[in-house]
């Protein structure tokens, strides 16, 4: 498999799931939404997906620290 922005993003989502930073439902949601983007807009999709993923992981870290 060639390394491209899609495979990198999907790998990040899978790693976040395996590290229990996000749950299975959230990981599936990210993958589904990402796959709906047009191939011509991958770079914009990457930026938005990375932003959303970082925001989610930050929120989860705050919740874990409060417990």
N, C-alpha and C. Protein backbone atom coordinates (compact mmCIF):
# COMPACT_ATOMS: atom_id res chain seq x y z
N UNK A 1 0.85 -1.18 0.00
CA UNK A 1 0.00 0.00 0.00
C UNK A 1 0.89 1.24 0.00
N UNK A 2 0.60 2.16 -0.86
CA UNK A 2 1.37 3.39 -0.90
C UNK A 2 0.97 4.29 0.26
N UNK A 3 1.91 5.04 0.72
CA UNK A 3 1.64 5.98 1.81
C UNK A 3 1.09 7.26 1.19
N UNK A 4 -0.10 7.62 1.60
CA UNK A 4 -0.69 8.88 1.16
C UNK A 4 -1.44 9.48 2.33
N UNK A 5 -2.02 10.63 2.11
CA UNK A 5 -2.68 11.32 3.21
C UNK A 5 -3.83 10.51 3.79
N UNK A 6 -4.54 9.78 2.94
CA UNK A 6 -5.66 8.97 3.43
C UNK A 6 -5.17 7.86 4.35
N UNK A 7 -4.14 7.14 3.93
CA UNK A 7 -3.65 6.04 4.76
C UNK A 7 -3.05 6.57 6.07
N UNK A 8 -2.41 7.72 6.02
CA UNK A 8 -1.85 8.30 7.24
C UNK A 8 -2.97 8.67 8.21
N UNK A 9 -4.02 9.31 7.71
CA UNK A 9 -5.13 9.68 8.58
C UNK A 9 -5.79 8.44 9.17
N UNK A 10 -6.07 7.45 8.34
CA UNK A 10 -6.73 6.24 8.83
C UNK A 10 -5.85 5.52 9.86
N UNK A 11 -4.55 5.56 9.65
CA UNK A 11 -3.64 4.95 10.63
C UNK A 11 -3.68 5.71 11.95
N UNK A 12 -3.75 7.05 11.88
CA UNK A 12 -3.84 7.85 13.11
C UNK A 12 -5.12 7.54 13.88
N UNK A 13 -6.22 7.39 13.16
CA UNK A 13 -7.49 7.06 13.81
C UNK A 13 -7.37 5.68 14.47
N UNK A 14 -6.81 4.72 13.76
CA UNK A 14 -6.66 3.38 14.31
C UNK A 14 -5.75 3.39 15.54
N UNK A 15 -4.66 4.14 15.49
CA UNK A 15 -3.76 4.24 16.65
C UNK A 15 -4.47 4.87 17.84
N UNK A 16 -5.24 5.92 17.59
CA UNK A 16 -5.99 6.56 18.68
C UNK A 16 -6.97 5.58 19.30
N UNK A 17 -7.61 4.78 18.47
CA UNK A 17 -8.54 3.78 18.98
C UNK A 17 -7.80 2.73 19.81
N UNK A 18 -6.69 2.23 19.28
CA UNK A 18 -5.93 1.19 19.99
C UNK A 18 -5.37 1.71 21.31
N UNK A 19 -5.02 2.98 21.36
CA UNK A 19 -4.51 3.57 22.60
C UNK A 19 -5.64 4.00 23.54
N UNK A 20 -6.87 3.68 23.13
CA UNK A 20 -8.07 3.99 23.91
C UNK A 20 -8.27 5.49 24.12
N UNK A 21 -7.79 6.29 23.15
CA UNK A 21 -8.02 7.73 23.18
C UNK A 21 -9.40 8.06 22.63
N UNK A 22 -9.91 7.20 21.74
CA UNK A 22 -11.26 7.34 21.20
C UNK A 22 -11.92 5.97 21.21
N UNK A 23 -13.26 5.95 21.24
CA UNK A 23 -13.94 4.67 21.24
C UNK A 23 -14.20 4.18 19.82
N UNK A 24 -14.71 2.95 19.69
CA UNK A 24 -14.92 2.34 18.37
C UNK A 24 -15.92 3.14 17.53
N UNK A 25 -16.98 3.63 18.19
CA UNK A 25 -18.00 4.40 17.47
C UNK A 25 -17.39 5.67 16.86
N UNK A 26 -16.57 6.35 17.63
CA UNK A 26 -15.93 7.57 17.15
C UNK A 26 -14.96 7.27 16.02
N UNK A 27 -14.18 6.21 16.15
CA UNK A 27 -13.23 5.83 15.11
C UNK A 27 -13.97 5.51 13.81
N UNK A 28 -15.06 4.76 13.92
CA UNK A 28 -15.85 4.42 12.74
C UNK A 28 -16.44 5.68 12.12
N UNK A 29 -16.89 6.60 12.95
CA UNK A 29 -17.46 7.85 12.45
C UNK A 29 -16.42 8.65 11.68
N UNK A 30 -15.23 8.80 12.24
CA UNK A 30 -14.15 9.52 11.55
C UNK A 30 -13.85 8.89 10.20
N UNK A 31 -13.75 7.56 10.17
CA UNK A 31 -13.43 6.86 8.92
C UNK A 31 -14.54 7.06 7.89
N UNK A 32 -15.79 6.96 8.32
CA UNK A 32 -16.92 7.11 7.41
C UNK A 32 -16.98 8.52 6.84
N UNK A 33 -16.87 9.52 7.69
CA UNK A 33 -16.91 10.91 7.23
C UNK A 33 -15.74 11.19 6.30
N UNK A 34 -14.57 10.72 6.64
CA UNK A 34 -13.39 10.96 5.82
C UNK A 34 -13.55 10.35 4.43
N UNK A 35 -14.12 9.16 4.37
CA UNK A 35 -14.30 8.48 3.09
C UNK A 35 -15.32 9.17 2.19
N UNK A 36 -16.16 10.03 2.75
CA UNK A 36 -17.16 10.74 1.96
C UNK A 36 -16.58 11.95 1.22
N UNK A 37 -15.38 12.40 1.61
CA UNK A 37 -14.78 13.56 0.96
C UNK A 37 -14.37 13.23 -0.47
N UNK A 38 -14.51 14.19 -1.35
CA UNK A 38 -14.09 14.05 -2.74
C UNK A 38 -12.57 13.94 -2.80
N UNK A 39 -12.04 13.14 -3.73
CA UNK A 39 -10.59 12.96 -3.82
C UNK A 39 -9.86 14.26 -4.15
N UNK A 40 -10.54 15.19 -4.82
CA UNK A 40 -9.91 16.46 -5.15
C UNK A 40 -9.74 17.35 -3.93
N UNK A 41 -10.44 17.04 -2.86
CA UNK A 41 -10.39 17.87 -1.67
C UNK A 41 -9.67 17.19 -0.51
N UNK A 42 -8.82 16.25 -0.79
CA UNK A 42 -8.14 15.50 0.26
C UNK A 42 -7.34 16.39 1.20
N UNK A 43 -6.64 17.37 0.69
CA UNK A 43 -5.83 18.20 1.57
C UNK A 43 -6.70 18.98 2.56
N UNK A 44 -7.83 19.49 2.11
CA UNK A 44 -8.75 20.17 3.02
C UNK A 44 -9.34 19.16 4.00
N UNK A 45 -9.62 17.97 3.52
CA UNK A 45 -10.15 16.92 4.40
C UNK A 45 -9.13 16.54 5.46
N UNK A 46 -7.87 16.45 5.05
CA UNK A 46 -6.81 16.12 6.01
C UNK A 46 -6.73 17.16 7.11
N UNK A 47 -6.73 18.41 6.73
CA UNK A 47 -6.63 19.49 7.72
C UNK A 47 -7.79 19.45 8.71
N UNK A 48 -9.00 19.31 8.19
CA UNK A 48 -10.17 19.30 9.05
C UNK A 48 -10.19 18.05 9.93
N UNK A 49 -9.87 16.91 9.36
CA UNK A 49 -9.87 15.66 10.12
C UNK A 49 -8.82 15.71 11.23
N UNK A 50 -7.62 16.20 10.91
CA UNK A 50 -6.58 16.32 11.94
C UNK A 50 -7.03 17.26 13.05
N UNK A 51 -7.65 18.36 12.67
CA UNK A 51 -8.15 19.32 13.66
C UNK A 51 -9.19 18.68 14.57
N UNK A 52 -10.14 17.97 13.98
CA UNK A 52 -11.19 17.32 14.77
C UNK A 52 -10.63 16.23 15.67
N UNK A 53 -9.70 15.45 15.13
CA UNK A 53 -9.10 14.38 15.92
C UNK A 53 -8.30 14.94 17.09
N UNK A 54 -7.52 15.97 16.86
CA UNK A 54 -6.76 16.58 17.95
C UNK A 54 -7.68 17.18 19.02
N UNK A 55 -8.77 17.80 18.57
CA UNK A 55 -9.72 18.37 19.51
C UNK A 55 -10.36 17.28 20.36
N UNK A 56 -10.74 16.18 19.73
CA UNK A 56 -11.36 15.08 20.46
C UNK A 56 -10.40 14.47 21.47
N UNK A 57 -9.17 14.24 21.05
CA UNK A 57 -8.18 13.65 21.95
C UNK A 57 -7.89 14.59 23.11
N UNK A 58 -7.83 15.88 22.86
CA UNK A 58 -7.60 16.86 23.93
C UNK A 58 -8.74 16.83 24.94
N UNK A 59 -9.96 16.79 24.44
CA UNK A 59 -11.12 16.74 25.33
C UNK A 59 -11.11 15.47 26.17
N UNK A 60 -10.77 14.35 25.56
CA UNK A 60 -10.73 13.09 26.29
C UNK A 60 -9.63 13.10 27.35
N UNK A 61 -8.49 13.69 27.03
CA UNK A 61 -7.41 13.79 28.01
C UNK A 61 -7.85 14.61 29.23
N UNK A 62 -8.55 15.70 28.97
CA UNK A 62 -9.05 16.54 30.08
C UNK A 62 -10.02 15.76 30.95
N UNK A 63 -10.89 14.98 30.32
CA UNK A 63 -11.87 14.18 31.07
C UNK A 63 -11.16 13.14 31.92
N UNK A 64 -10.13 12.49 31.35
CA UNK A 64 -9.39 11.46 32.07
C UNK A 64 -8.63 12.08 33.25
N UNK A 65 -8.06 13.25 33.05
CA UNK A 65 -7.31 13.90 34.12
C UNK A 65 -8.21 14.33 35.27
N UNK A 66 -9.45 14.68 34.97
CA UNK A 66 -10.39 15.10 36.01
C UNK A 66 -10.84 13.94 36.87
N UNK A 67 -10.78 12.71 36.35
CA UNK A 67 -11.25 11.52 37.10
C UNK A 67 -10.28 11.07 38.12
